[in-house]
Amino acid sequence: MPQQHVCSEIKNRFAGNSAAEIVDSIRVLVRTEQLKPGRTLPSGRELTAVPGVNANAVAAAYKRLVSARIVLARGRLGTVIRRARS
């Protein structure tokens, strides 16, 4: 799935602009395997290029996803989907 398409998929899954909605959108994409382990999420800058997406909400959402161990933040290398723990 191309990065631009990932941005659109995330945005299409939420009506507002809250961090919780972004987190839920990404969780659904991971659960339905539309985003697979090792996949790099769009950067905050790429995601905020989508109309209606707020940079603060994206930053808060990514922090929550890291805390929930859904993604791994790799600094300049990006934020990637973690492998499922077995």
C-alpha atoms as a PDB file:
ATOM      1  CA  MET A   1       0.000   0.000   0.000  1.00  0.00           C
ATOM      2  CA  PRO A   2       1.693   3.294  -1.082  1.00  0.00           C
ATOM      3  CA  GLN A   3       2.313   5.939   1.625  1.00  0.00           C
ATOM      4  CA  GLN A   4      -0.223   8.356   0.129  1.00  0.00           C
ATOM      5  CA  HIS A   5      -2.845   5.623   0.186  1.00  0.00           C
ATOM      6  CA  VAL A   6      -2.026   4.843   3.842  1.00  0.00           C
ATOM      7  CA  CYS A   7      -2.585   8.517   4.715  1.00  0.00           C
ATOM      8  CA  SER A   8      -5.942   8.467   2.954  1.00  0.00           C
ATOM      9  CA  GLU A   9      -6.980   5.186   4.604  1.00  0.00           C
ATOM     10  CA  ILE A  10      -6.167   6.551   8.051  1.00  0.00           C
ATOM     11  CA  LYS A  11      -8.070   9.776   7.359  1.00  0.00           C
ATOM     12  CA  ASN A  12     -11.063   7.927   5.848  1.00  0.00           C
ATOM     13  CA  ARG A  13     -11.494   5.923   9.036  1.00  0.00           C
ATOM     14  CA  PHE A  14     -12.117   8.874  11.337  1.00  0.00           C
ATOM     15  CA  ALA A  15     -14.544  11.769  11.220  1.00  0.00           C
ATOM     16  CA  GLY A  16     -12.778  14.226  13.489  1.00  0.00           C
ATOM     17  CA  ASN A  17      -9.231  15.091  14.287  1.00  0.00           C
ATOM     18  CA  SER A  18      -8.512  13.570  17.674  1.00  0.00           C
ATOM     19  CA  ALA A  19      -5.539  11.438  18.602  1.00  0.00           C
ATOM     20  CA  ALA A  20      -7.912   8.693  19.788  1.00  0.00           C
ATOM     21  CA  GLU A  21      -9.511   8.506  16.342  1.00  0.00           C
ATOM     22  CA  ILE A  22      -6.129   8.298  14.627  1.00  0.00           C
ATOM     23  CA  VAL A  23      -5.055   5.535  17.034  1.00  0.00           C
ATOM     24  CA  ASP A  24      -8.286   3.630  16.399  1.00  0.00           C
ATOM     25  CA  SER A  25      -7.834   4.000  12.634  1.00  0.00           C
ATOM     26  CA  ILE A  26      -4.324   2.586  12.733  1.00  0.00           C
ATOM     27  CA  ARG A  27      -5.370  -0.223  15.100  1.00  0.00           C
ATOM     28  CA  VAL A  28      -8.082  -1.264  12.618  1.00  0.00           C
ATOM     29  CA  LEU A  29      -5.629  -1.204   9.708  1.00  0.00           C
ATOM     30  CA  VAL A  30      -3.182  -3.362  11.706  1.00  0.00           C
ATOM     31  CA  ARG A  31      -5.883  -5.766  12.942  1.00  0.00           C
ATOM     32  CA  THR A  32      -7.238  -6.255   9.397  1.00  0.00           C
ATOM     33  CA  GLU A  33      -3.662  -6.704   8.134  1.00  0.00           C
ATOM     34  CA  GLN A  34      -3.873  -3.742   5.764  1.00  0.00           C
ATOM     35  CA  LEU A  35      -0.776  -2.538   7.623  1.00  0.00           C
ATOM     36  CA  LYS A  36       1.607  -5.432   8.206  1.00  0.00           C
ATOM     37  CA  PRO A  37       4.537  -5.737  10.641  1.00  0.00           C
ATOM     38  CA  GLY A  38       7.582  -3.870   9.413  1.00  0.00           C
ATOM     39  CA  ARG A  39       5.508  -1.355   7.455  1.00  0.00           C
ATOM     40  CA  THR A  40       6.597   2.243   8.018  1.00  0.00           C
ATOM     41  CA  LEU A  41       3.770   4.604   8.909  1.00  0.00           C
ATOM     42  CA  PRO A  42       3.545   7.965   7.155  1.00  0.00           C
ATOM     43  CA  SER A  43       5.578  10.680   8.824  1.00  0.00           C
ATOM     44  CA  GLY A  44       3.682  13.262  10.815  1.00  0.00           C
ATOM     45  CA  ARG A  45       4.355  15.746   8.023  1.00  0.00           C
ATOM     46  CA  GLU A  46       2.904  13.407   5.383  1.00  0.00           C
ATOM     47  CA  LEU A  47      -0.172  12.678   7.465  1.00  0.00           C
ATOM     48  CA  THR A  48      -0.847  16.336   8.249  1.00  0.00           C
ATOM     49  CA  ALA A  49      -0.788  17.053   4.518  1.00  0.00           C
ATOM     50  CA  VAL A  50      -4.200  15.349   4.445  1.00  0.00           C
ATOM     51  CA  PRO A  51      -6.842  18.071   4.905  1.00  0.00           C
ATOM     52  CA  GLY A  52      -8.264  18.145   8.424  1.00  0.00           C
ATOM     53  CA  VAL A  53      -5.407  16.294  10.138  1.00  0.00           C
ATOM     54  CA  ASN A  54      -3.749  18.185  12.996  1.00  0.00           C
ATOM     55  CA  ALA A  55      -0.034  17.801  13.759  1.00  0.00           C
ATOM     56  CA  ASN A  56      -0.577  17.724  17.533  1.00  0.00           C
ATOM     57  CA  ALA A  57      -3.156  14.938  17.178  1.00  0.00           C
ATOM     58  CA  VAL A  58      -0.772  12.900  15.007  1.00  0.00           C
ATOM     59  CA  ALA A  59       2.095  13.322  17.493  1.00  0.00           C
ATOM     60  CA  ALA A  60      -0.135  12.312  20.416  1.00  0.00           C
ATOM     61  CA  ALA A  61      -1.526   9.342  18.471  1.00  0.00           C
ATOM     62  CA  TYR A  62       1.934   8.047  17.556  1.00  0.00           C
ATOM     63  CA  LYS A  63       3.028   8.348  21.211  1.00  0.00           C
ATOM     64  CA  ARG A  64      -0.026   6.329  22.289  1.00  0.00           C
ATOM     65  CA  LEU A  65       0.698   3.679  19.666  1.00  0.00           C
ATOM     66  CA  VAL A  66       4.287   3.386  20.913  1.00  0.00           C
ATOM     67  CA  SER A  67       3.059   3.080  24.508  1.00  0.00           C
ATOM     68  CA  ALA A  68       0.585   0.382  23.444  1.00  0.00           C
ATOM     69  CA  ARG A  69       3.482  -1.459  21.727  1.00  0.00           C
ATOM     70  CA  ILE A  70       1.688  -1.428  18.373  1.00  0.00           C
ATOM     71  CA  VAL A  71       4.436   0.553  16.668  1.00  0.00           C
ATOM     72  CA  LEU A  72       8.129   1.151  17.207  1.00  0.00           C
ATOM     73  CA  ALA A  73       9.505   4.689  16.852  1.00  0.00           C
ATOM     74  CA  ARG A  74      12.876   4.660  15.102  1.00  0.00           C
ATOM     75  CA  GLY A  75      13.614   8.368  15.010  1.00  0.00           C
ATOM     76  CA  ARG A  76      14.616   9.516  11.549  1.00  0.00           C
ATOM     77  CA  LEU A  77      14.024   6.007  10.195  1.00  0.00           C
ATOM     78  CA  GLY A  78      10.305   6.357  10.874  1.00  0.00           C
ATOM     79  CA  THR A  79       7.618   4.665  12.906  1.00  0.00           C
ATOM     80  CA  VAL A  80       7.010   1.028  12.019  1.00  0.00           C
ATOM     81  CA  ILE A  81       4.351  -1.551  12.819  1.00  0.00           C
ATOM     82  CA  ARG A  82       5.696  -4.004  15.398  1.00  0.00           C
ATOM     83  CA  ARG A  83       5.545  -7.729  14.986  1.00  0.00           C
ATOM     84  CA  ALA A  84       2.748  -9.326  16.991  1.00  0.00           C
ATOM     85  CA  ARG A  85       3.863 -10.870  20.246  1.00  0.00           C
ATOM     86  CA  SER A  86       3.106 -14.546  20.553  1.00  0.00           C
END
